[in-house]
Amino acid sequence: MSDVSNVSTGKPKVAGAVYRAPKGTALPTDAASTLSSAWASMGYISEDGVTNSNSPDTDKIKAWGGQVVLVVTNEKSDSFQITFLESLNPAVLETVYGSANVTVDALNGTISVVGNNAEPDEFSYVIDMAMRGGALKRVVIPDGQLSDLADIVYKDDEAVGYGVTLECLPDNSGNQHYEYIKLAAGASFDLSLDKSTLSVAHGSTSQITATTTPVGMKVAWGTSDATKATVDQTGLVTGVAAGSATITAIFGGIVKACSVTVT
């Protein structure tokens, strides 16, 4: 079921919506917690916002006659394109030129930059944004490295900007980035199941359908006795052996149960 309330824009949470920290800094695991002092603000970004390119490069294997029978993924690049507008921000300059090539003299109020072919530094990045209705979204990049830099233009009628592409390298779990969403305070949560009791034959399957508010949210499923009945993360129940078990669905702190009898 479609719900227009789930459609949203992505605006910067604050003027400085992108943050950077040394690789290995403890990463946030939610959308709203305050970042530690290790996270430096990258300041204003251009009105183009942030673009995430996350499309796999695939080959389509076709059978005789032209029908696609297999899709092979060669690679799956994950990158973010951002134009930083604060050309005097040391954190921005270090991303573009490398930490070793940027020297800040706070006492004399000077910044020195060296341009060379040094390997770009790897940093962790956080992108914060405000969604429709007061919801918050946070993108966390554990390991981001500069992979492309647009031409830098110096004009009297245009802000100096650094258009960068940050390539997301896999972390220890093989993940390239994480996304966290916090719905607005006072947002209503609800969960219901289409049945409270279910009879399923040994070796057969039966579907329990969960409905959430907001619509389409992820539900966590579980069983009280996997030797009698199991359930996958879509709510599909499989009868394992004669007996009974309780299938539970959890969302937003709400727990609903269905009593299953296996015959």
C-alpha atoms as a PDB file:
ATOM      1  CA  MET A   1       0.000   0.000   0.000  1.00  0.00           C
ATOM      2  CA  SER A   2       1.390   3.402  -1.007  1.00  0.00           C
ATOM      3  CA  ASP A   3       1.708   6.249   1.492  1.00  0.00           C
ATOM      4  CA  VAL A   4       2.643   9.793   0.418  1.00  0.00           C
ATOM      5  CA  SER A   5       3.888  10.534   3.946  1.00  0.00           C
ATOM      6  CA  ASN A   6       6.869   8.291   3.176  1.00  0.00           C
ATOM      7  CA  VAL A   7       7.958  10.583   0.302  1.00  0.00           C
ATOM      8  CA  SER A   8      10.575  13.100   1.389  1.00  0.00           C
ATOM      9  CA  THR A   9      13.200  15.580   0.339  1.00  0.00           C
ATOM     10  CA  GLY A  10      16.683  15.572   1.867  1.00  0.00           C
ATOM     11  CA  LYS A  11      17.755  18.950   3.242  1.00  0.00           C
ATOM     12  CA  PRO A  12      20.911  19.618   5.252  1.00  0.00           C
ATOM     13  CA  LYS A  13      20.244  19.226   8.949  1.00  0.00           C
ATOM     14  CA  VAL A  14      22.328  22.323   9.637  1.00  0.00           C
ATOM     15  CA  ALA A  15      24.561  24.623   7.598  1.00  0.00           C
ATOM     16  CA  GLY A  16      27.402  22.168   8.097  1.00  0.00           C
ATOM     17  CA  ALA A  17      25.814  18.842   7.189  1.00  0.00           C
ATOM     18  CA  VAL A  18      28.940  16.872   6.283  1.00  0.00           C
ATOM     19  CA  TYR A  19      31.521  15.865   8.873  1.00  0.00           C
ATOM     20  CA  ARG A  20      34.883  14.129   8.668  1.00  0.00           C
ATOM     21  CA  ALA A  21      37.012  12.252  11.203  1.00  0.00           C
ATOM     22  CA  PRO A  22      40.203  10.205  11.107  1.00  0.00           C
ATOM     23  CA  LYS A  23      39.635   6.654   9.912  1.00  0.00           C
ATOM     24  CA  GLY A  24      39.110   4.419  12.940  1.00  0.00           C
ATOM     25  CA  THR A  25      37.118   7.001  14.906  1.00  0.00           C
ATOM     26  CA  ALA A  26      34.107   5.469  16.677  1.00  0.00           C
ATOM     27  CA  LEU A  27      31.174   5.648  14.266  1.00  0.00           C
ATOM     28  CA  PRO A  28      27.637   6.715  15.193  1.00  0.00           C
ATOM     29  CA  THR A  29      25.001   4.005  14.883  1.00  0.00           C
ATOM     30  CA  ASP A  30      21.896   6.185  14.856  1.00  0.00           C
ATOM     31  CA  ALA A  31      20.549   9.295  13.181  1.00  0.00           C
ATOM     32  CA  ALA A  32      20.411  11.732  16.076  1.00  0.00           C
ATOM     33  CA  SER A  33      23.262  11.263  18.563  1.00  0.00           C
ATOM     34  CA  THR A  34      25.720  14.145  19.012  1.00  0.00           C
ATOM     35  CA  LEU A  35      29.001  13.642  17.198  1.00  0.00           C
ATOM     36  CA  SER A  36      32.206  13.737  19.226  1.00  0.00           C
ATOM     37  CA  SER A  37      34.792  16.492  18.852  1.00  0.00           C
ATOM     38  CA  ALA A  38      36.777  14.215  16.520  1.00  0.00           C
ATOM     39  CA  TRP A  39      34.292  15.017  13.754  1.00  0.00           C
ATOM     40  CA  ALA A  40      35.241  18.215  11.888  1.00  0.00           C
ATOM     41  CA  SER A  41      32.549  20.119  10.016  1.00  0.00           C
ATOM     42  CA  MET A  42      33.100  20.408   6.264  1.00  0.00           C
ATOM     43  CA  GLY A  43      30.840  23.473   6.223  1.00  0.00           C
ATOM     44  CA  TYR A  44      28.575  24.567   3.402  1.00  0.00           C
ATOM     45  CA  ILE A  45      28.088  22.423   0.331  1.00  0.00           C
ATOM     46  CA  SER A  46      26.628  23.506  -2.995  1.00  0.00           C
ATOM     47  CA  GLU A  47      22.914  23.642  -3.757  1.00  0.00           C
ATOM     48  CA  ASP A  48      23.315  20.418  -5.770  1.00  0.00           C
ATOM     49  CA  GLY A  49      23.421  18.601  -2.429  1.00  0.00           C
ATOM     50  CA  VAL A  50      24.857  15.088  -2.232  1.00  0.00           C
ATOM     51  CA  THR A  51      24.621  12.437  -4.951  1.00  0.00           C
ATOM     52  CA  ASN A  52      25.116   8.757  -4.153  1.00  0.00           C
ATOM     53  CA  SER A  53      26.129   6.522  -7.062  1.00  0.00           C
ATOM     54  CA  ASN A  54      25.547   2.917  -6.082  1.00  0.00           C
ATOM     55  CA  SER A  55      24.829   0.983  -9.259  1.00  0.00           C
ATOM     56  CA  PRO A  56      26.448  -2.400  -9.920  1.00  0.00           C
ATOM     57  CA  ASP A  57      28.375  -3.123 -13.105  1.00  0.00           C
ATOM     58  CA  THR A  58      26.834  -6.296 -14.491  1.00  0.00           C
ATOM     59  CA  ASP A  59      26.989  -8.642 -17.456  1.00  0.00           C
ATOM     60  CA  LYS A  60      23.804 -10.240 -18.756  1.00  0.00           C
ATOM     61  CA  ILE A  61      24.222 -13.837 -19.863  1.00  0.00           C
ATOM     62  CA  LYS A  62      21.766 -14.725 -22.602  1.00  0.00           C
ATOM     63  CA  ALA A  63      20.591 -18.083 -23.877  1.00  0.00           C
ATOM     64  CA  TRP A  64      20.158 -18.878 -27.522  1.00  0.00           C
ATOM     65  CA  GLY A  65      17.219 -16.812 -28.663  1.00  0.00           C
ATOM     66  CA  GLY A  66      18.168 -13.764 -26.576  1.00  0.00           C
ATOM     67  CA  GLN A  67      16.531 -14.510 -23.215  1.00  0.00           C
ATOM     68  CA  VAL A  68      18.523 -13.310 -20.198  1.00  0.00           C
ATOM     69  CA  VAL A  69      19.209 -16.337 -17.982  1.00  0.00           C
ATOM     70  CA  LEU A  70      21.864 -14.993 -15.598  1.00  0.00           C
ATOM     71  CA  VAL A  71      23.078 -11.622 -14.342  1.00  0.00           C
ATOM     72  CA  VAL A  72      26.717 -11.545 -13.194  1.00  0.00           C
ATOM     73  CA  THR A  73      27.908  -8.664 -11.001  1.00  0.00           C
ATOM     74  CA  ASN A  74      31.456  -7.619 -11.890  1.00  0.00           C
ATOM     75  CA  GLU A  75      31.749  -4.833  -9.329  1.00  0.00           C
ATOM     76  CA  LYS A  76      29.548  -2.599  -7.209  1.00  0.00           C
ATOM     77  CA  SER A  77      31.047   0.834  -6.744  1.00  0.00           C
ATOM     78  CA  ASP A  78      29.589   3.056  -4.018  1.00  0.00           C
ATOM     79  CA  SER A  79      30.500   6.745  -4.101  1.00  0.00           C
ATOM     80  CA  PHE A  80      29.235  10.174  -3.074  1.00  0.00           C
ATOM     81  CA  GLN A  81      29.600  13.365  -5.110  1.00  0.00           C
ATOM     82  CA  ILE A  82      29.757  16.592  -3.074  1.00  0.00           C
ATOM     83  CA  THR A  83      30.881  20.140  -3.844  1.00  0.00           C
ATOM     84  CA  PHE A  84      32.413  21.807  -0.784  1.00  0.00           C
ATOM     85  CA  LEU A  85      32.093  25.604  -0.810  1.00  0.00           C
ATOM     86  CA  GLU A  86      34.286  26.480   2.167  1.00  0.00           C
ATOM     87  CA  SER A  87      37.601  26.803   0.355  1.00  0.00           C
ATOM     88  CA  LEU A  88      39.269  28.199   3.514  1.00  0.00           C
ATOM     89  CA  ASN A  89      38.183  25.279   5.715  1.00  0.00           C
ATOM     90  CA  PRO A  90      41.241  23.164   6.696  1.00  0.00           C
ATOM     91  CA  ALA A  91      39.129  19.979   6.842  1.00  0.00           C
ATOM     92  CA  VAL A  92      38.058  20.532   3.224  1.00  0.00           C
ATOM     93  CA  LEU A  93      41.605  21.292   2.108  1.00  0.00           C
ATOM     94  CA  GLU A  94      42.928  18.154   3.829  1.00  0.00           C
ATOM     95  CA  THR A  95      40.338  16.021   2.010  1.00  0.00           C
ATOM     96  CA  VAL A  96      41.336  17.535  -1.333  1.00  0.00           C
ATOM     97  CA  TYR A  97      45.123  17.801  -0.940  1.00  0.00           C
ATOM     98  CA  GLY A  98      45.945  15.391   1.912  1.00  0.00           C
ATOM     99  CA  SER A  99      46.622  16.101   5.577  1.00  0.00           C
ATOM    100  CA  ALA A 100      50.397  16.151   5.098  1.00  0.00           C
ATOM    101  CA  ASN A 101      50.043  18.847   2.445  1.00  0.00           C
ATOM    102  CA  VAL A 102      48.029  21.329   4.515  1.00  0.00           C
ATOM    103  CA  THR A 103      49.676  23.351   7.287  1.00  0.00           C
ATOM    104  CA  VAL A 104      47.627  25.615   9.531  1.00  0.00           C
ATOM    105  CA  ASP A 105      49.405  28.318  11.555  1.00  0.00           C
ATOM    106  CA  ALA A 106      46.720  29.476  13.978  1.00  0.00           C
ATOM    107  CA  LEU A 107      49.073  31.958  15.643  1.00  0.00           C
ATOM    108  CA  ASN A 108      49.723  33.909  12.450  1.00  0.00           C
ATOM    109  CA  GLY A 109      46.414  33.098  10.775  1.00  0.00           C
ATOM    110  CA  THR A 110      47.884  31.374   7.726  1.00  0.00           C
ATOM    111  CA  ILE A 111      47.235  28.177   5.784  1.00  0.00           C
ATOM    112  CA  SER A 112      49.816  26.634   3.460  1.00  0.00           C
ATOM    113  CA  VAL A 113      48.852  24.067   0.823  1.00  0.00           C
ATOM    114  CA  VAL A 114      51.096  21.879  -1.329  1.00  0.00           C
ATOM    115  CA  GLY A 115      49.790  20.213  -4.466  1.00  0.00           C
ATOM    116  CA  ASN A 116      51.405  16.903  -5.418  1.00  0.00           C
ATOM    117  CA  ASN A 117      50.552  13.324  -6.416  1.00  0.00           C
ATOM    118  CA  ALA A 118      50.452  11.926  -2.873  1.00  0.00           C
ATOM    119  CA  GLU A 119      47.935   9.142  -2.215  1.00  0.00           C
ATOM    120  CA  PRO A 120      44.645  10.639  -0.925  1.00  0.00           C
ATOM    121  CA  ASP A 121      43.971  10.126   2.774  1.00  0.00           C
ATOM    122  CA  GLU A 122      41.218   7.825   3.972  1.00  0.00           C
ATOM    123  CA  PHE A 123      38.710   9.395   6.362  1.00  0.00           C
ATOM    124  CA  SER A 124      35.360   8.513   7.888  1.00  0.00           C
ATOM    125  CA  TYR A 125      32.454  10.743   6.884  1.00  0.00           C
ATOM    126  CA  VAL A 126      28.984  11.523   8.220  1.00  0.00           C
ATOM    127  CA  ILE A 127      26.236  13.224   6.209  1.00  0.00           C
ATOM    128  CA  ASP A 128      23.286  14.564   8.237  1.00  0.00           C
ATOM    129  CA  MET A 129      20.001  15.672   6.704  1.00  0.00           C
ATOM    130  CA  ALA A 130      16.485  16.620   7.710  1.00  0.00           C
ATOM    131  CA  MET A 131      13.654  14.738   6.036  1.00  0.00           C
ATOM    132  CA  ARG A 132       9.989  15.554   5.670  1.00  0.00           C
ATOM    133  CA  GLY A 133       7.955  15.924   8.852  1.00  0.00           C
ATOM    134  CA  GLY A 134      10.943  16.356  11.145  1.00  0.00           C
ATOM    135  CA  ALA A 135      12.520  12.958  10.515  1.00  0.00           C
ATOM    136  CA  LEU A 136      16.322  12.763  10.545  1.00  0.00           C
ATOM    137  CA  LYS A 137      18.612  10.760   8.293  1.00  0.00           C
ATOM    138  CA  ARG A 138      22.309  10.077   8.752  1.00  0.00           C
ATOM    139  CA  VAL A 139      24.655   8.464   6.227  1.00  0.00           C
ATOM    140  CA  VAL A 140      27.846   7.011   7.736  1.00  0.00           C
ATOM    141  CA  ILE A 141      30.847   6.228   5.533  1.00  0.00           C
ATOM    142  CA  PRO A 142      33.417   4.230   7.539  1.00  0.00           C
ATOM    143  CA  ASP A 143      36.186   4.559   4.954  1.00  0.00           C
ATOM    144  CA  GLY A 144      35.968   7.211   2.261  1.00  0.00           C
ATOM    145  CA  GLN A 145      38.752   8.185  -0.123  1.00  0.00           C
ATOM    146  CA  LEU A 146      38.934  10.924  -2.745  1.00  0.00           C
ATOM    147  CA  SER A 147      38.684   9.266  -6.162  1.00  0.00           C
ATOM    148  CA  ASP A 148      37.922  12.269  -8.396  1.00  0.00           C
ATOM    149  CA  LEU A 149      38.254  16.049  -8.179  1.00  0.00           C
ATOM    150  CA  ALA A 150      36.446  18.413 -10.537  1.00  0.00           C
ATOM    151  CA  ASP A 151      38.227  21.392 -12.072  1.00  0.00           C
ATOM    152  CA  ILE A 152      38.699  24.188  -9.535  1.00  0.00           C
ATOM    153  CA  VAL A 153      37.429  27.482 -10.950  1.00  0.00           C
ATOM    154  CA  TYR A 154      38.504  30.897  -9.656  1.00  0.00           C
ATOM    155  CA  LYS A 155      36.111  33.632 -10.863  1.00  0.00           C
ATOM    156  CA  ASP A 156      34.998  36.938  -9.418  1.00  0.00           C
ATOM    157  CA  ASP A 157      31.310  36.052  -9.740  1.00  0.00           C
ATOM    158  CA  GLU A 158      31.453  32.448  -8.542  1.00  0.00           C
ATOM    159  CA  ALA A 159      32.283  30.808  -5.215  1.00  0.00           C
ATOM    160  CA  VAL A 160      35.413  28.677  -5.215  1.00  0.00           C
ATOM    161  CA  GLY A 161      34.273  25.093  -4.779  1.00  0.00           C
ATOM    162  CA  TYR A 162      35.846  21.668  -4.560  1.00  0.00           C
ATOM    163  CA  GLY A 163      33.716  19.099  -6.366  1.00  0.00           C
ATOM    164  CA  VAL A 164      34.848  15.755  -5.011  1.00  0.00           C
ATOM    165  CA  THR A 165      33.887  12.138  -5.455  1.00  0.00           C
ATOM    166  CA  LEU A 166      34.348  10.091  -2.303  1.00  0.00           C
ATOM    167  CA  GLU A 167      34.749   6.382  -2.985  1.00  0.00           C
ATOM    168  CA  CYS A 168      33.356   4.211  -0.189  1.00  0.00           C
ATOM    169  CA  LEU A 169      35.789   1.416   0.609  1.00  0.00           C
ATOM    170  CA  PRO A 170      34.460  -1.702   2.395  1.00  0.00           C
ATOM    171  CA  ASP A 171      34.852  -1.910   6.166  1.00  0.00           C
ATOM    172  CA  ASN A 172      35.726  -5.067   8.112  1.00  0.00           C
ATOM    173  CA  SER A 173      32.174  -6.340   7.532  1.00  0.00           C
ATOM    174  CA  GLY A 174      32.359  -5.697   3.793  1.00  0.00           C
ATOM    175  CA  ASN A 175      29.900  -2.778   4.005  1.00  0.00           C
ATOM    176  CA  GLN A 176      30.551   0.479   2.170  1.00  0.00           C
ATOM    177  CA  HIS A 177      28.139   2.819   3.955  1.00  0.00           C
ATOM    178  CA  TYR A 178      25.323   2.796   6.506  1.00  0.00           C
ATOM    179  CA  GLU A 179      22.062   4.762   6.678  1.00  0.00           C
ATOM    180  CA  TYR A 180      20.083   5.538   9.832  1.00  0.00           C
ATOM    181  CA  ILE A 181      16.652   7.186  10.063  1.00  0.00           C
ATOM    182  CA  LYS A 182      14.871   8.567  13.114  1.00  0.00           C
ATOM    183  CA  LEU A 183      11.208   9.396  12.694  1.00  0.00           C
ATOM    184  CA  ALA A 184       9.919  12.635  14.167  1.00  0.00           C
ATOM    185  CA  ALA A 185       8.916  12.748  17.834  1.00  0.00           C
ATOM    186  CA  GLY A 186       5.244  11.968  18.165  1.00  0.00           C
ATOM    187  CA  ALA A 187       5.140   9.958  14.961  1.00  0.00           C
ATOM    188  CA  SER A 188       2.632   7.148  15.329  1.00  0.00           C
ATOM    189  CA  PHE A 189       3.805   3.540  15.277  1.00  0.00           C
ATOM    190  CA  ASP A 190       1.578   0.537  14.929  1.00  0.00           C
ATOM    191  CA  LEU A 191       1.828  -3.124  14.001  1.00  0.00           C
ATOM    192  CA  SER A 192      -0.839  -5.699  13.198  1.00  0.00           C
ATOM    193  CA  LEU A 193      -0.878  -9.259  11.869  1.00  0.00           C
ATOM    194  CA  ASP A 194      -3.483 -10.696   9.525  1.00  0.00           C
ATOM    195  CA  LYS A 195      -3.967 -13.726  11.796  1.00  0.00           C
ATOM    196  CA  SER A 196      -3.545 -14.542  15.474  1.00  0.00           C
ATOM    197  CA  THR A 197      -3.703 -18.342  15.073  1.00  0.00           C
ATOM    198  CA  LEU A 198      -2.408 -20.545  12.319  1.00  0.00           C
ATOM    199  CA  SER A 199      -2.476 -24.253  11.489  1.00  0.00           C
ATOM    200  CA  VAL A 200       0.181 -25.583   9.141  1.00  0.00           C
ATOM    201  CA  ALA A 201       1.024 -29.122   8.097  1.00  0.00           C
ATOM    202  CA  HIS A 202       4.433 -30.661   8.726  1.00  0.00           C
ATOM    203  CA  GLY A 203       6.701 -29.719   5.805  1.00  0.00           C
ATOM    204  CA  SER A 204       4.292 -27.066   4.505  1.00  0.00           C
ATOM    205  CA  THR A 205       4.430 -23.272   4.624  1.00  0.00           C
ATOM    206  CA  SER A 206       1.951 -20.516   5.364  1.00  0.00           C
ATOM    207  CA  GLN A 207       2.278 -16.740   5.224  1.00  0.00           C
ATOM    208  CA  ILE A 208       1.657 -14.286   8.068  1.00  0.00           C
ATOM    209  CA  THR A 209       1.327 -10.727   6.776  1.00  0.00           C
ATOM    210  CA  ALA A 210       2.343  -7.785   8.953  1.00  0.00           C
ATOM    211  CA  THR A 211       1.088  -4.220   8.436  1.00  0.00           C
ATOM    212  CA  THR A 212       3.034  -1.319   9.915  1.00  0.00           C
ATOM    213  CA  THR A 213       2.448   2.364  10.531  1.00  0.00           C
ATOM    214  CA  PRO A 214       4.315   4.028   8.858  1.00  0.00           C
ATOM    215  CA  VAL A 215       3.645   1.709   5.935  1.00  0.00           C
ATOM    216  CA  GLY A 216       6.328  -0.636   4.662  1.00  0.00           C
ATOM    217  CA  MET A 217       8.679  -0.581   7.646  1.00  0.00           C
ATOM    218  CA  LYS A 218      10.928  -3.562   8.415  1.00  0.00           C
ATOM    219  CA  VAL A 219       9.565  -6.131  10.886  1.00  0.00           C
ATOM    220  CA  ALA A 220      11.709  -8.522  12.940  1.00  0.00           C
ATOM    221  CA  TRP A 221      10.302 -12.062  13.072  1.00  0.00           C
ATOM    222  CA  GLY A 222      11.033 -14.837  15.549  1.00  0.00           C
ATOM    223  CA  THR A 223       9.802 -18.217  16.806  1.00  0.00           C
ATOM    224  CA  SER A 224       9.551 -19.635  20.318  1.00  0.00           C
ATOM    225  CA  ASP A 225      10.468 -23.156  19.175  1.00  0.00           C
ATOM    226  CA  ALA A 226      12.354 -23.685  15.929  1.00  0.00           C
ATOM    227  CA  THR A 227      12.031 -27.472  16.333  1.00  0.00           C
ATOM    228  CA  LYS A 228       8.271 -27.089  15.727  1.00  0.00           C
ATOM    229  CA  ALA A 229       7.966 -24.096  13.386  1.00  0.00           C
ATOM    230  CA  THR A 230      10.338 -21.596  11.789  1.00  0.00           C
ATOM    231  CA  VAL A 231       9.690 -18.180  10.255  1.00  0.00           C
ATOM    232  CA  ASP A 232      11.755 -16.184   7.784  1.00  0.00           C
ATOM    233  CA  GLN A 233      12.066 -12.396   7.706  1.00  0.00           C
ATOM    234  CA  THR A 234       9.074 -12.063   5.379  1.00  0.00           C
ATOM    235  CA  GLY A 235       6.719 -13.835   7.819  1.00  0.00           C
ATOM    236  CA  LEU A 236       6.654 -17.155   5.947  1.00  0.00           C
ATOM    237  CA  VAL A 237       6.093 -19.956   8.462  1.00  0.00           C
ATOM    238  CA  THR A 238       7.328 -23.520   7.880  1.00  0.00           C
ATOM    239  CA  GLY A 239       5.974 -26.470   9.835  1.00  0.00           C
ATOM    240  CA  VAL A 240       8.925 -28.543  11.111  1.00  0.00           C
ATOM    241  CA  ALA A 241       7.340 -31.113  13.456  1.00  0.00           C
ATOM    242  CA  ALA A 242       3.986 -31.783  15.080  1.00  0.00           C
ATOM    243  CA  GLY A 243       3.397 -29.481  18.024  1.00  0.00           C
ATOM    244  CA  SER A 244       2.996 -25.761  18.651  1.00  0.00           C
ATOM    245  CA  ALA A 245       5.066 -22.594  18.645  1.00  0.00           C
ATOM    246  CA  THR A 246       4.502 -18.869  18.951  1.00  0.00           C
ATOM    247  CA  ILE A 247       5.590 -16.663  16.061  1.00  0.00           C
ATOM    248  CA  THR A 248       6.371 -13.062  17.035  1.00  0.00           C
ATOM    249  CA  ALA A 249       6.679  -9.890  14.980  1.00  0.00           C
ATOM    250  CA  ILE A 250       8.424  -6.800  16.385  1.00  0.00           C
ATOM    251  CA  PHE A 251       8.443  -3.211  15.140  1.00  0.00           C
ATOM    252  CA  GLY A 252       8.907   0.084  16.952  1.00  0.00           C
ATOM    253  CA  GLY A 253       8.833  -1.613  20.343  1.00  0.00           C
ATOM    254  CA  ILE A 254       5.478  -3.236  19.532  1.00  0.00           C
ATOM    255  CA  VAL A 255       5.249  -7.043  19.723  1.00  0.00           C
ATOM    256  CA  LYS A 256       2.484  -9.070  18.064  1.00  0.00           C
ATOM    257  CA  ALA A 257       2.109 -12.863  18.267  1.00  0.00           C
ATOM    258  CA  CYS A 258       0.531 -15.658  16.294  1.00  0.00           C
ATOM    259  CA  SER A 259      -0.023 -19.109  17.813  1.00  0.00           C
ATOM    260  CA  VAL A 260       0.991 -21.813  15.362  1.00  0.00           C
ATOM    261  CA  THR A 261      -0.120 -25.443  15.458  1.00  0.00           C
ATOM    262  CA  VAL A 262       1.829 -27.895  13.316  1.00  0.00           C
ATOM    263  CA  THR A 263      -0.117 -30.998  12.273  1.00  0.00           C
END
